[in-house]
Amino acid sequence: MAAAHGEAAAVSVASAAREQAQAAAITEQVDQVALRFVDEFTQAPIASKRYRLELPERVIEGMTDADGYTQAIDAADRTRLTAWRIID
C-alpha cells in the first residue's frame, strides 16, 4: 500500500508542477500583444508583408500573418514603440 501512496504523491507533485507551468505560460501570453496592420481606408488586413517595429534600444522585423498581425511583443515594448511601418 505504501508504494501506491508514494505513486499518488508523485503524480500530485507532477500535476502541481504542470499547473504552475500552465499558469506561467498564460501570464506570459497576457503580457504579450501582437500589432495588426490594416489598410487605412478599407480596414482590410495587410497580410504577408514585411514590417519594422522600432524601439529606442532595438528594432524588430518580421512578416505579418494572413490576418495582418505581427509576432507578439511584450506589452511594455508596445508602449515604447517609436515607429512602425510596412517595409515591403
N, C-alpha and C. Protein backbone atom coordinates (compact mmCIF):
# COMPACT_ATOMS: atom_id res chain seq x y z
N MET A 1 0.82 -1.21 0.00
CA MET A 1 0.00 0.00 0.00
C MET A 1 0.86 1.27 0.00
N ALA A 2 2.03 1.19 0.63
CA ALA A 2 2.89 2.37 0.68
C ALA A 2 3.34 2.79 -0.71
N ALA A 3 3.59 1.83 -1.59
CA ALA A 3 4.03 2.17 -2.94
C ALA A 3 2.94 2.94 -3.68
N ALA A 4 1.70 2.52 -3.49
CA ALA A 4 0.60 3.21 -4.16
C ALA A 4 0.48 4.63 -3.64
N HIS A 5 0.65 4.81 -2.33
CA HIS A 5 0.58 6.15 -1.76
C HIS A 5 1.72 7.03 -2.29
N GLY A 6 2.92 6.46 -2.40
CA GLY A 6 4.07 7.19 -2.93
C GLY A 6 3.84 7.59 -4.37
N GLU A 7 3.24 6.69 -5.16
CA GLU A 7 2.95 7.00 -6.56
C GLU A 7 1.95 8.14 -6.67
N ALA A 8 0.94 8.12 -5.79
CA ALA A 8 -0.07 9.18 -5.80
C ALA A 8 0.57 10.52 -5.46
N ALA A 9 1.52 10.52 -4.53
CA ALA A 9 2.19 11.76 -4.17
C ALA A 9 3.02 12.27 -5.34
N ALA A 10 3.68 11.35 -6.04
CA ALA A 10 4.50 11.76 -7.19
C ALA A 10 3.61 12.35 -8.28
N VAL A 11 2.45 11.75 -8.52
CA VAL A 11 1.52 12.25 -9.52
C VAL A 11 1.01 13.62 -9.10
N SER A 12 0.74 13.80 -7.82
CA SER A 12 0.24 15.07 -7.32
C SER A 12 1.29 16.17 -7.50
N VAL A 13 2.55 15.87 -7.22
CA VAL A 13 3.62 16.85 -7.39
C VAL A 13 3.78 17.19 -8.86
N ALA A 14 3.73 16.17 -9.72
CA ALA A 14 3.85 16.41 -11.15
C ALA A 14 2.69 17.25 -11.65
N SER A 15 1.50 16.97 -11.15
CA SER A 15 0.32 17.73 -11.55
C SER A 15 0.44 19.18 -11.11
N ALA A 16 0.92 19.42 -9.90
CA ALA A 16 1.09 20.78 -9.41
C ALA A 16 2.13 21.53 -10.24
N ALA A 17 3.22 20.84 -10.61
CA ALA A 17 4.25 21.47 -11.43
C ALA A 17 3.69 21.83 -12.80
N ARG A 18 2.87 20.94 -13.37
CA ARG A 18 2.27 21.20 -14.68
C ARG A 18 1.32 22.40 -14.59
N GLU A 19 0.53 22.48 -13.52
CA GLU A 19 -0.39 23.60 -13.35
C GLU A 19 0.37 24.92 -13.22
N GLN A 20 1.50 24.90 -12.50
CA GLN A 20 2.31 26.11 -12.37
C GLN A 20 2.88 26.53 -13.71
N ALA A 21 3.34 25.57 -14.50
CA ALA A 21 3.89 25.88 -15.82
C ALA A 21 2.81 26.46 -16.73
N GLN A 22 1.59 25.90 -16.66
CA GLN A 22 0.49 26.41 -17.48
C GLN A 22 0.13 27.83 -17.06
N ALA A 23 0.10 28.09 -15.76
CA ALA A 23 -0.21 29.44 -15.27
C ALA A 23 0.85 30.43 -15.72
N ALA A 24 2.12 30.02 -15.68
CA ALA A 24 3.20 30.89 -16.13
C ALA A 24 3.07 31.19 -17.62
N ALA A 25 2.72 30.18 -18.40
CA ALA A 25 2.55 30.37 -19.85
C ALA A 25 1.41 31.33 -20.14
N ILE A 26 0.32 31.20 -19.40
CA ILE A 26 -0.82 32.10 -19.59
C ILE A 26 -0.43 33.53 -19.23
N THR A 27 0.28 33.70 -18.12
CA THR A 27 0.73 35.03 -17.71
C THR A 27 1.64 35.63 -18.77
N GLU A 28 2.54 34.81 -19.32
CA GLU A 28 3.44 35.30 -20.36
C GLU A 28 2.66 35.73 -21.59
N GLN A 29 1.64 34.98 -21.96
CA GLN A 29 0.83 35.33 -23.11
C GLN A 29 0.06 36.62 -22.88
N VAL A 30 -0.44 36.81 -21.67
CA VAL A 30 -1.20 38.02 -21.35
C VAL A 30 -0.31 39.24 -21.44
N ASP A 31 0.97 39.09 -21.08
CA ASP A 31 1.91 40.20 -21.10
C ASP A 31 2.48 40.46 -22.48
N GLN A 32 1.96 39.75 -23.49
CA GLN A 32 2.42 39.95 -24.86
C GLN A 32 1.25 40.32 -25.74
N VAL A 33 1.53 41.16 -26.71
CA VAL A 33 0.49 41.60 -27.65
C VAL A 33 1.04 41.55 -29.07
N ALA A 34 0.17 41.33 -30.00
CA ALA A 34 0.53 41.41 -31.42
C ALA A 34 -0.12 42.67 -31.97
N LEU A 35 0.58 43.34 -32.85
CA LEU A 35 0.03 44.51 -33.50
C LEU A 35 -0.61 44.07 -34.81
N ARG A 36 -1.58 44.83 -35.28
CA ARG A 36 -2.24 44.48 -36.53
C ARG A 36 -2.15 45.65 -37.49
N PHE A 37 -1.63 45.37 -38.68
CA PHE A 37 -1.58 46.37 -39.74
C PHE A 37 -2.83 46.20 -40.61
N VAL A 38 -3.54 47.32 -40.82
CA VAL A 38 -4.73 47.30 -41.68
C VAL A 38 -4.65 48.47 -42.65
N ASP A 39 -5.31 48.31 -43.78
CA ASP A 39 -5.38 49.39 -44.76
C ASP A 39 -6.12 50.57 -44.14
N GLU A 40 -5.57 51.73 -44.33
CA GLU A 40 -6.13 52.96 -43.74
C GLU A 40 -7.56 53.23 -44.17
N PHE A 41 -7.90 52.89 -45.40
CA PHE A 41 -9.23 53.22 -45.92
C PHE A 41 -10.22 52.06 -45.84
N THR A 42 -9.76 50.87 -46.19
CA THR A 42 -10.68 49.72 -46.22
C THR A 42 -10.71 48.93 -44.93
N GLN A 43 -9.72 49.14 -44.08
CA GLN A 43 -9.55 48.38 -42.84
C GLN A 43 -9.26 46.89 -43.08
N ALA A 44 -8.92 46.55 -44.32
CA ALA A 44 -8.54 45.17 -44.65
C ALA A 44 -7.16 44.89 -44.07
N PRO A 45 -6.92 43.67 -43.57
CA PRO A 45 -5.60 43.35 -43.03
C PRO A 45 -4.52 43.43 -44.10
N ILE A 46 -3.36 43.90 -43.70
CA ILE A 46 -2.21 43.93 -44.60
C ILE A 46 -1.43 42.65 -44.32
N ALA A 47 -1.71 41.65 -45.14
CA ALA A 47 -1.19 40.29 -44.91
C ALA A 47 0.09 40.02 -45.68
N SER A 48 0.93 39.19 -45.07
CA SER A 48 2.15 38.68 -45.71
C SER A 48 3.07 39.78 -46.21
N LYS A 49 3.21 40.80 -45.41
CA LYS A 49 4.11 41.92 -45.75
C LYS A 49 5.16 42.06 -44.65
N ARG A 50 6.36 42.47 -45.06
CA ARG A 50 7.42 42.70 -44.08
C ARG A 50 7.14 43.98 -43.31
N TYR A 51 7.45 43.96 -42.03
CA TYR A 51 7.24 45.14 -41.18
C TYR A 51 8.48 45.41 -40.36
N ARG A 52 8.50 46.61 -39.81
CA ARG A 52 9.61 47.04 -38.94
C ARG A 52 9.00 47.78 -37.75
N LEU A 53 9.34 47.33 -36.55
CA LEU A 53 8.92 47.99 -35.31
C LEU A 53 10.18 48.55 -34.66
N GLU A 54 10.18 49.84 -34.39
CA GLU A 54 11.36 50.48 -33.83
C GLU A 54 11.12 50.88 -32.38
N LEU A 55 12.05 50.45 -31.54
CA LEU A 55 12.07 50.80 -30.13
C LEU A 55 13.34 51.60 -29.88
N PRO A 56 13.43 52.31 -28.77
CA PRO A 56 14.64 53.11 -28.53
C PRO A 56 15.93 52.27 -28.56
N GLU A 57 15.88 51.03 -28.07
CA GLU A 57 17.10 50.24 -27.96
C GLU A 57 17.22 49.10 -28.97
N ARG A 58 16.20 48.87 -29.80
CA ARG A 58 16.29 47.77 -30.76
C ARG A 58 15.23 47.90 -31.85
N VAL A 59 15.37 47.06 -32.86
CA VAL A 59 14.43 47.01 -33.97
C VAL A 59 13.92 45.58 -34.10
N ILE A 60 12.64 45.43 -34.35
CA ILE A 60 12.04 44.12 -34.56
C ILE A 60 11.50 44.10 -35.99
N GLU A 61 11.93 43.11 -36.76
CA GLU A 61 11.42 42.96 -38.12
C GLU A 61 10.79 41.59 -38.26
N GLY A 62 9.80 41.50 -39.12
CA GLY A 62 9.14 40.23 -39.35
C GLY A 62 8.19 40.35 -40.52
N MET A 63 7.28 39.38 -40.62
CA MET A 63 6.28 39.38 -41.68
C MET A 63 4.91 39.21 -41.04
N THR A 64 3.96 40.02 -41.49
CA THR A 64 2.60 39.88 -40.95
C THR A 64 2.01 38.54 -41.36
N ASP A 65 1.08 38.06 -40.54
CA ASP A 65 0.42 36.80 -40.88
C ASP A 65 -0.76 37.07 -41.82
N ALA A 66 -1.56 36.06 -42.07
CA ALA A 66 -2.69 36.18 -43.01
C ALA A 66 -3.72 37.21 -42.55
N ASP A 67 -3.75 37.51 -41.25
CA ASP A 67 -4.71 38.48 -40.72
C ASP A 67 -4.08 39.84 -40.43
N GLY A 68 -2.84 40.03 -40.88
CA GLY A 68 -2.18 41.32 -40.70
C GLY A 68 -1.48 41.50 -39.37
N TYR A 69 -1.38 40.46 -38.55
CA TYR A 69 -0.77 40.57 -37.23
C TYR A 69 0.74 40.36 -37.28
N THR A 70 1.45 41.06 -36.39
CA THR A 70 2.88 40.89 -36.21
C THR A 70 3.11 39.74 -35.23
N GLN A 71 4.37 39.42 -35.04
CA GLN A 71 4.70 38.49 -33.95
C GLN A 71 4.35 39.19 -32.64
N ALA A 72 4.10 38.43 -31.61
CA ALA A 72 3.78 39.02 -30.31
C ALA A 72 5.02 39.69 -29.72
N ILE A 73 4.80 40.84 -29.11
CA ILE A 73 5.87 41.55 -28.42
C ILE A 73 5.41 41.82 -27.00
N ASP A 74 6.35 42.12 -26.13
CA ASP A 74 6.00 42.43 -24.74
C ASP A 74 5.10 43.67 -24.71
N ALA A 75 4.11 43.63 -23.85
CA ALA A 75 3.20 44.77 -23.72
C ALA A 75 3.97 46.04 -23.35
N ALA A 76 5.00 45.90 -22.54
CA ALA A 76 5.81 47.07 -22.17
C ALA A 76 6.51 47.65 -23.40
N ASP A 77 6.97 46.78 -24.31
CA ASP A 77 7.61 47.26 -25.53
C ASP A 77 6.62 48.04 -26.39
N ARG A 78 5.39 47.62 -26.40
CA ARG A 78 4.37 48.30 -27.22
C ARG A 78 4.25 49.77 -26.82
N THR A 79 4.35 50.04 -25.56
CA THR A 79 4.21 51.43 -25.11
C THR A 79 5.43 52.27 -25.45
N ARG A 80 6.56 51.60 -25.80
CA ARG A 80 7.79 52.33 -26.10
C ARG A 80 8.09 52.39 -27.60
N LEU A 81 7.18 51.92 -28.43
CA LEU A 81 7.41 51.96 -29.87
C LEU A 81 7.60 53.41 -30.33
N THR A 82 8.61 53.63 -31.15
CA THR A 82 8.85 54.96 -31.70
C THR A 82 8.40 55.05 -33.15
N ALA A 83 8.37 53.89 -33.85
CA ALA A 83 7.92 53.86 -35.24
C ALA A 83 7.50 52.44 -35.59
N TRP A 84 6.55 52.34 -36.51
CA TRP A 84 6.13 51.04 -37.02
C TRP A 84 5.69 51.25 -38.45
N ARG A 85 6.15 50.35 -39.32
CA ARG A 85 5.84 50.54 -40.74
C ARG A 85 5.96 49.24 -41.50
N ILE A 86 5.25 49.19 -42.61
CA ILE A 86 5.40 48.13 -43.59
C ILE A 86 6.63 48.49 -44.43
N ILE A 87 7.53 47.56 -44.65
CA ILE A 87 8.76 47.89 -45.38
C ILE A 87 8.84 47.18 -46.73
N ASP A 88 7.80 46.56 -47.13
CA ASP A 88 7.76 45.84 -48.41
C ASP A 88 7.17 46.69 -49.49
